[in-house]
Amino acid sequence: MAVPVRASRSGRRSRRFELRSTALYFVLLAVILIVVGTTVRTATAAAERHPAWAVALVLMGAGGVVAACRRGRRISAARLARRAAEALDEATETAVEALDTPPPAPAAVPVAAGAGPYGGHPDVERTVPLLEPVDEAPGDTWQIGYEELDPDEFEQAIAELCRRDGCLDVDVVGGAGDLGADVMARTPDGRLVVIQCKRYRDANRVGSQDMQRFGGTCFTVHGADVAVVVTTSDFTAPAIEYAEQCGIVCMDGRELLRWQAGAGPRPWEPEFVAA
């Protein structure tokens, strides 16, 4: 008696085999896509640093495509994945070597035979000009523009002139409640000099009221031996008349510049004559 053949089992085995092939195909396809993406990312990073490697990789890829087309044979999925993995390893090694390669050293400039260490004639030494040191001491008052100073700076400048010319115990006392005295100093011969500083523009002259306020305190309050009013501008006629009556020395802008330059008398010297 003949035994019937079960066709259903062969159909199941055939269907089961097809499912395995399909699953393997998709797995290999996913692997290939990952490999290709990693290769492209690595090649892009290498191309940013070394464009020459990018051109080489493109040429290698093009050569591989042409070779595959010429062969004309079908490559299995497993072989394709293996070759893709090998290509990925080679590309990764190439990119790493390119990134680790130090930049080329600059070419040395040839030096002519017989030239000295600085070039030129071997017997000529290189000389470097030396700048003279700049004296930043505050004693140099020649370059001061008094009209550009504020009142406090002007008082400091007058005090510096007194120090320069040998006065002792120079003190700036100007401010609120100074009673007309801005600078006080002791001359080399021991006399007390009381100076009032008036930093005015040319159009603003020292008037008699300013002079009278100073005259009321310079001798009686401060005990001055020499009372001086120094200004960057000039004095009115009534102010000069009052100063002559009280014995106050008037030094205008021109006499101040002469004192500054060392060409004119100092305000406490007997030969001083107001301009």
Protein backbone atom coordinates (compact mmCIF):
# COMPACT_ATOMS: atom_id res chain seq x y z
CA MET A 1 0.00 0.00 0.00
CA ALA A 2 1.46 3.36 -1.01
CA VAL A 3 1.98 6.05 1.60
CA PRO A 4 0.75 9.52 0.53
CA VAL A 5 3.26 12.31 0.52
CA ARG A 6 2.56 15.27 2.84
CA ALA A 7 2.81 18.34 0.68
CA SER A 8 1.97 20.67 3.50
CA ARG A 9 5.32 20.10 5.32
CA SER A 10 7.38 20.95 2.24
CA GLY A 11 5.34 24.11 1.82
CA ARG A 12 5.95 25.10 5.43
CA ARG A 13 9.67 24.38 5.11
CA SER A 14 9.87 26.46 1.92
CA ARG A 15 7.97 29.35 3.55
CA ARG A 16 10.13 29.12 6.70
CA PHE A 17 13.28 29.31 4.56
CA GLU A 18 12.00 32.37 2.74
CA LEU A 19 11.32 34.20 6.02
CA ARG A 20 14.84 33.54 7.23
CA SER A 21 16.34 34.85 3.99
CA THR A 22 14.21 37.97 4.15
CA ALA A 23 15.17 38.65 7.78
CA LEU A 24 18.85 38.11 7.01
CA TYR A 25 18.57 40.43 4.03
CA PHE A 26 17.18 43.27 6.14
CA VAL A 27 19.78 42.72 8.87
CA LEU A 28 22.60 42.88 6.36
CA LEU A 29 21.03 45.92 4.73
CA ALA A 30 20.91 47.69 8.12
CA VAL A 31 24.56 46.80 8.73
CA ILE A 32 25.51 48.17 5.33
CA LEU A 33 23.66 51.44 5.97
CA ILE A 34 25.39 51.84 9.35
CA VAL A 35 28.77 51.14 7.79
CA VAL A 36 28.14 53.58 4.96
CA GLY A 37 26.94 56.31 7.37
CA THR A 38 29.96 55.87 9.64
CA THR A 39 32.28 55.94 6.63
CA VAL A 40 30.70 59.14 5.31
CA ARG A 41 30.91 60.81 8.73
CA THR A 42 34.56 59.85 9.17
CA ALA A 43 35.41 60.94 5.65
CA THR A 44 33.70 64.29 6.21
CA ALA A 45 35.68 64.92 9.39
CA ALA A 46 38.90 64.03 7.62
CA ALA A 47 38.01 66.20 4.63
CA GLU A 48 37.62 69.26 6.85
CA ARG A 49 41.16 68.85 8.10
CA HIS A 50 42.79 67.39 4.98
CA PRO A 51 40.89 67.96 1.70
CA ALA A 52 43.45 65.83 -0.17
CA TRP A 53 42.27 62.72 1.68
CA ALA A 54 38.69 63.43 0.66
CA VAL A 55 39.70 63.46 -3.00
CA ALA A 56 41.61 60.19 -2.52
CA LEU A 57 38.60 58.51 -0.89
CA VAL A 58 36.30 59.67 -3.67
CA LEU A 59 38.69 58.27 -6.28
CA MET A 60 38.91 54.99 -4.39
CA GLY A 61 35.14 54.73 -4.23
CA ALA A 62 34.77 55.52 -7.91
CA GLY A 63 37.40 52.90 -8.77
CA GLY A 64 35.56 50.31 -6.71
CA VAL A 65 32.28 51.04 -8.48
CA VAL A 66 33.91 50.78 -11.90
CA ALA A 67 35.62 47.51 -10.95
CA ALA A 68 32.37 46.05 -9.68
CA CYS A 69 30.57 47.02 -12.86
CA ARG A 70 33.25 45.42 -15.05
CA ARG A 71 33.15 42.15 -13.23
CA GLY A 72 29.48 41.82 -13.92
CA ARG A 73 28.88 39.19 -11.36
CA ARG A 74 26.59 39.24 -8.45
CA ILE A 75 28.07 39.60 -5.03
CA SER A 76 26.37 37.94 -2.16
CA ALA A 77 25.12 39.93 0.78
CA ALA A 78 27.67 38.41 3.14
CA ARG A 79 30.60 39.23 0.84
CA LEU A 80 29.32 42.78 0.35
CA ALA A 81 29.07 43.31 4.09
CA ARG A 82 32.57 41.93 4.62
CA ARG A 83 34.08 44.20 1.97
CA ALA A 84 32.21 47.17 3.35
CA ALA A 85 33.59 46.47 6.80
CA GLU A 86 37.13 46.19 5.40
CA ALA A 87 36.71 49.47 3.54
CA LEU A 88 35.43 51.10 6.74
CA ASP A 89 38.51 49.91 8.66
CA GLU A 90 40.85 51.23 5.97
CA ALA A 91 39.08 54.58 5.85
CA THR A 92 39.15 54.88 9.63
CA GLU A 93 42.87 54.11 9.79
CA THR A 94 43.55 56.61 7.00
CA ALA A 95 41.55 59.34 8.76
CA VAL A 96 43.28 58.70 12.09
CA GLU A 97 46.72 58.83 10.45
CA ALA A 98 45.76 62.06 8.69
CA LEU A 99 44.61 63.66 11.94
CA ASP A 100 47.71 62.54 13.83
CA THR A 101 50.15 63.71 11.16
CA PRO A 102 51.84 66.96 12.35
CA PRO A 103 51.85 69.93 9.96
CA PRO A 104 55.01 70.30 7.87
CA ALA A 105 57.75 72.47 9.35
CA PRO A 106 58.40 75.80 7.61
CA ALA A 107 61.19 75.75 5.12
CA ALA A 108 64.46 77.21 6.31
CA VAL A 109 65.59 80.38 4.56
CA PRO A 110 69.04 79.88 3.07
CA VAL A 111 71.71 82.22 4.32
CA ALA A 112 74.36 83.42 1.97
CA ALA A 113 77.85 82.16 2.63
CA GLY A 114 79.92 84.55 4.69
CA ALA A 115 76.91 86.51 5.94
CA GLY A 116 76.83 87.59 9.55
CA PRO A 117 74.25 86.44 12.11
CA TYR A 118 71.93 89.28 11.08
CA GLY A 119 72.63 89.13 7.35
CA GLY A 120 74.69 91.53 5.27
CA HIS A 121 78.40 91.91 5.58
CA PRO A 122 79.99 89.52 8.10
CA ASP A 123 82.22 92.22 9.58
CA VAL A 124 79.42 94.69 10.29
CA GLU A 125 77.78 94.34 13.67
CA ARG A 126 74.13 95.12 14.09
CA THR A 127 73.51 98.14 16.28
CA VAL A 128 70.25 98.89 18.07
CA PRO A 129 69.53 102.55 18.87
CA LEU A 130 68.93 103.11 22.56
CA LEU A 131 66.30 105.60 23.61
CA GLU A 132 67.23 108.02 26.32
CA PRO A 133 65.24 107.51 29.52
CA VAL A 134 62.39 109.93 29.99
CA ASP A 135 62.44 111.87 33.20
CA GLU A 136 58.96 111.62 34.65
CA ALA A 137 59.74 113.59 37.78
CA PRO A 138 57.10 116.20 38.63
CA GLY A 139 59.79 118.89 38.85
CA ASP A 140 59.65 119.55 35.08
CA THR A 141 57.04 122.31 34.72
CA TRP A 142 58.07 123.74 31.36
CA GLN A 143 55.44 121.90 29.33
CA ILE A 144 52.50 122.73 31.62
CA GLY A 145 49.58 124.58 30.02
CA TYR A 146 48.15 126.34 33.06
CA GLU A 147 44.88 127.40 31.45
CA GLU A 148 44.07 123.73 30.75
CA LEU A 149 44.37 122.78 34.43
CA ASP A 150 41.53 122.79 36.90
CA PRO A 151 41.87 125.00 40.02
CA ASP A 152 43.28 122.22 42.19
CA GLU A 153 45.84 121.23 39.56
CA PHE A 154 46.82 124.86 39.10
CA GLU A 155 47.53 125.20 42.82
CA GLN A 156 49.66 122.05 42.71
CA ALA A 157 51.60 123.44 39.73
CA ILE A 158 52.38 126.70 41.58
CA ALA A 159 53.50 124.72 44.61
CA GLU A 160 55.80 122.70 42.38
CA LEU A 161 57.41 125.89 41.07
CA CYS A 162 58.11 126.92 44.67
CA ARG A 163 59.75 123.57 45.40
CA ARG A 164 61.79 123.79 42.22
CA ASP A 165 63.18 127.19 43.24
CA GLY A 166 64.31 126.09 46.68
CA CYS A 167 61.34 126.81 48.94
CA LEU A 168 60.81 124.62 51.99
CA ASP A 169 57.67 123.47 53.80
CA VAL A 170 55.60 123.94 50.63
CA ASP A 171 51.97 123.14 51.34
CA VAL A 172 48.77 123.41 49.29
CA VAL A 173 46.07 124.65 51.66
CA GLY A 174 43.44 125.83 49.17
CA GLY A 175 39.84 124.76 49.64
CA ALA A 176 36.83 125.57 51.73
CA GLY A 177 37.73 127.90 54.59
CA ASP A 178 41.25 128.64 53.33
CA LEU A 179 40.77 132.40 53.97
CA GLY A 180 42.43 133.32 50.69
CA ALA A 181 45.58 131.20 51.06
CA ASP A 182 46.09 128.48 48.41
CA VAL A 183 49.82 127.78 48.69
CA MET A 184 52.14 128.48 51.62
CA ALA A 185 55.91 128.05 51.48
CA ARG A 186 59.10 129.10 53.22
CA THR A 187 61.71 130.82 51.05
CA PRO A 188 65.37 129.77 51.24
CA ASP A 189 66.07 132.82 53.43
CA GLY A 190 63.23 131.92 55.85
CA ARG A 191 60.41 134.24 54.79
CA LEU A 192 56.81 132.97 54.72
CA VAL A 193 55.15 133.26 51.30
CA VAL A 194 51.36 133.12 51.03
CA ILE A 195 50.06 132.71 47.48
CA GLN A 196 46.53 132.95 46.15
CA CYS A 197 46.02 131.22 42.78
CA LYS A 198 43.53 132.52 40.21
CA ARG A 199 43.21 130.32 37.13
CA TYR A 200 41.24 132.63 34.83
CA ARG A 201 40.77 132.92 31.10
CA ASP A 202 42.17 135.91 29.25
CA ALA A 203 38.79 137.66 29.20
CA ASN A 204 38.34 137.25 32.97
CA ARG A 205 40.71 139.48 34.95
CA VAL A 206 41.33 139.59 38.68
CA GLY A 207 39.34 142.48 40.14
CA SER A 208 39.69 144.69 43.18
CA GLN A 209 37.16 142.67 45.21
CA ASP A 210 39.29 139.53 44.88
CA MET A 211 42.34 141.52 45.87
CA GLN A 212 40.61 143.09 48.89
CA ARG A 213 39.45 139.72 50.23
CA PHE A 214 42.97 138.37 50.02
CA GLY A 215 44.48 141.56 51.46
CA GLY A 216 42.30 141.30 54.55
CA THR A 217 43.72 137.89 55.58
CA CYS A 218 47.16 137.37 54.04
CA PHE A 219 49.04 139.48 56.61
CA THR A 220 46.79 139.59 59.64
CA VAL A 221 45.54 135.97 59.62
CA HIS A 222 48.28 134.02 57.85
CA GLY A 223 51.20 136.22 58.95
CA ALA A 224 52.71 136.42 55.47
CA ASP A 225 56.08 138.04 54.89
CA VAL A 226 55.35 138.03 51.14
CA ALA A 227 51.78 137.97 49.80
CA VAL A 228 51.36 136.99 46.14
CA VAL A 229 48.40 136.71 43.78
CA VAL A 230 49.19 134.57 40.74
CA THR A 231 46.83 134.42 37.76
CA THR A 232 46.86 133.04 34.25
CA SER A 233 45.17 136.19 32.91
CA ASP A 234 45.64 139.80 34.11
CA PHE A 235 44.58 142.33 36.75
CA THR A 236 42.25 145.28 36.55
CA ALA A 237 43.63 148.75 37.25
CA PRO A 238 41.81 149.08 40.61
CA ALA A 239 43.16 145.69 41.69
CA ILE A 240 46.75 146.73 40.88
CA GLU A 241 46.25 150.02 42.73
CA TYR A 242 44.99 148.25 45.86
CA ALA A 243 47.83 145.69 45.69
CA GLU A 244 50.44 148.48 45.56
CA GLN A 245 48.89 150.14 48.61
CA CYS A 246 48.92 146.90 50.63
CA GLY A 247 52.26 145.54 49.38
CA ILE A 248 50.79 142.50 47.54
CA VAL A 249 52.78 141.12 44.62
CA CYS A 250 50.75 140.73 41.42
CA MET A 251 51.94 138.10 38.92
CA ASP A 252 49.98 137.94 35.67
CA GLY A 253 50.06 135.28 32.95
CA ARG A 254 53.14 136.62 31.17
CA GLU A 255 55.18 136.86 34.36
CA LEU A 256 54.01 133.38 35.33
CA LEU A 257 55.37 131.96 32.06
CA ARG A 258 58.68 133.72 32.62
CA TRP A 259 58.87 132.29 36.15
CA GLN A 260 58.03 128.89 34.78
CA ALA A 261 60.79 129.13 32.14
CA GLY A 262 63.31 130.43 34.66
CA ALA A 263 63.71 133.65 32.71
CA GLY A 264 61.97 135.96 35.15
CA PRO A 265 62.31 136.78 38.85
CA ARG A 266 60.56 134.75 41.50
CA PRO A 267 57.61 136.47 43.14
CA TRP A 268 59.34 136.70 46.54
CA GLU A 269 62.47 138.33 45.16
CA PRO A 270 62.85 142.09 45.78
CA GLU A 271 63.61 142.81 42.10
CA PHE A 272 60.29 141.37 40.99
CA VAL A 273 58.29 143.95 38.98
CA ALA A 274 54.71 143.23 37.88
CA ALA A 275 54.05 143.58 34.17
